[in-house]
Amino acid sequence: MPLNSAIESTIRGLVADDLLDRPRRGAVRAVLRDARKYTAEVWRRVVLASLDSAPVEREEAIREAAGWAAEHLGWSTSGL
């Protein structure tokens, strides 16, 4: 299975370069760990994805967006 080997090798390399991670068995995701590298469009998508239609306080929206970014984009909050 040369194709499987090539895919696995590529994934390992991207994980080593911190562009992908494996949050759980059988899963691979692209990561964007540094919030300073997020564009305004990325932040807009993060906020929209993390909230439902009910109004929330600003601080709650920030917490929800940060949690969503950590879970889905691998954002590291260790620098906060």
Protein backbone atom coordinates (compact mmCIF):
# COMPACT_ATOMS: atom_id res chain seq x y z
CA MET A 1 0.00 0.00 0.00
CA PRO A 2 2.36 2.74 -1.17
CA LEU A 3 -0.42 5.36 -1.20
CA ASN A 4 -1.33 4.71 2.44
CA SER A 5 2.34 4.92 3.41
CA ALA A 6 2.74 8.21 1.55
CA ILE A 7 -0.35 9.69 3.20
CA GLU A 8 0.74 8.58 6.66
CA SER A 9 4.24 9.93 6.10
CA THR A 10 2.83 13.28 4.97
CA ILE A 11 0.54 13.47 8.00
CA ARG A 12 3.44 12.68 10.34
CA GLY A 13 5.49 15.46 8.74
CA LEU A 14 2.68 17.99 9.04
CA VAL A 15 2.11 17.00 12.68
CA ALA A 16 5.83 17.50 13.32
CA ASP A 17 5.60 20.94 11.66
CA ASP A 18 2.61 21.75 13.93
CA LEU A 19 0.25 22.26 10.98
CA LEU A 20 -1.88 19.21 11.83
CA ASP A 21 -2.63 17.39 15.04
CA ARG A 22 -4.41 14.25 16.08
CA PRO A 23 -6.90 15.24 18.75
CA ARG A 24 -8.21 11.67 19.11
CA ARG A 25 -7.65 8.26 17.61
CA GLY A 26 -8.44 8.18 13.90
CA ALA A 27 -8.84 11.96 13.60
CA VAL A 28 -6.59 14.54 11.98
CA ARG A 29 -7.24 18.28 11.94
CA ALA A 30 -5.54 21.38 10.64
CA VAL A 31 -4.43 23.63 13.47
CA LEU A 32 -3.92 27.33 13.89
CA ARG A 33 -2.47 27.63 17.38
CA ASP A 34 -1.34 31.26 17.49
CA ALA A 35 -4.27 33.69 17.80
CA ARG A 36 -2.07 36.49 16.46
CA LYS A 37 -2.10 34.71 13.10
CA TYR A 38 -5.91 34.66 12.94
CA THR A 39 -7.32 37.04 10.37
CA ALA A 40 -10.46 39.06 11.06
CA GLU A 41 -12.34 36.62 8.83
CA VAL A 42 -11.13 33.62 10.84
CA TRP A 43 -12.20 35.31 14.11
CA ARG A 44 -15.59 36.15 12.58
CA ARG A 45 -16.10 32.50 11.65
CA VAL A 46 -14.94 31.35 15.09
CA VAL A 47 -17.39 33.66 16.85
CA LEU A 48 -20.29 32.76 14.57
CA ALA A 49 -19.58 29.04 14.92
CA SER A 50 -19.32 29.21 18.70
CA LEU A 51 -22.55 31.06 19.43
CA ASP A 52 -26.20 30.32 18.82
CA SER A 53 -28.88 32.93 18.17
CA ALA A 54 -29.46 33.83 21.83
CA PRO A 55 -27.89 37.12 22.98
CA VAL A 56 -24.91 36.80 25.36
CA GLU A 57 -22.64 39.18 27.20
CA ARG A 58 -19.37 40.13 25.50
CA GLU A 59 -17.23 38.17 27.98
CA GLU A 60 -19.34 35.06 27.46
CA ALA A 61 -18.96 35.41 23.67
CA ILE A 62 -15.19 35.68 24.06
CA ARG A 63 -15.06 32.60 26.31
CA GLU A 64 -17.21 30.60 23.90
CA ALA A 65 -15.13 31.66 20.89
CA ALA A 66 -11.88 30.79 22.68
CA GLY A 67 -13.23 27.37 23.63
CA TRP A 68 -14.39 26.71 20.08
CA ALA A 69 -11.02 27.76 18.64
CA ALA A 70 -9.20 25.51 21.10
CA GLU A 71 -11.40 22.53 20.30
CA HIS A 72 -11.67 22.91 16.53
CA LEU A 73 -8.49 24.74 15.50
CA GLY A 74 -6.07 23.53 18.15
CA TRP A 75 -5.61 27.05 19.49
CA SER A 76 -3.25 26.97 22.43
CA THR A 77 -4.36 29.17 25.30
CA SER A 78 -1.13 28.56 27.21
CA GLY A 79 0.23 31.97 26.18
CA LEU A 80 -2.68 33.85 27.72
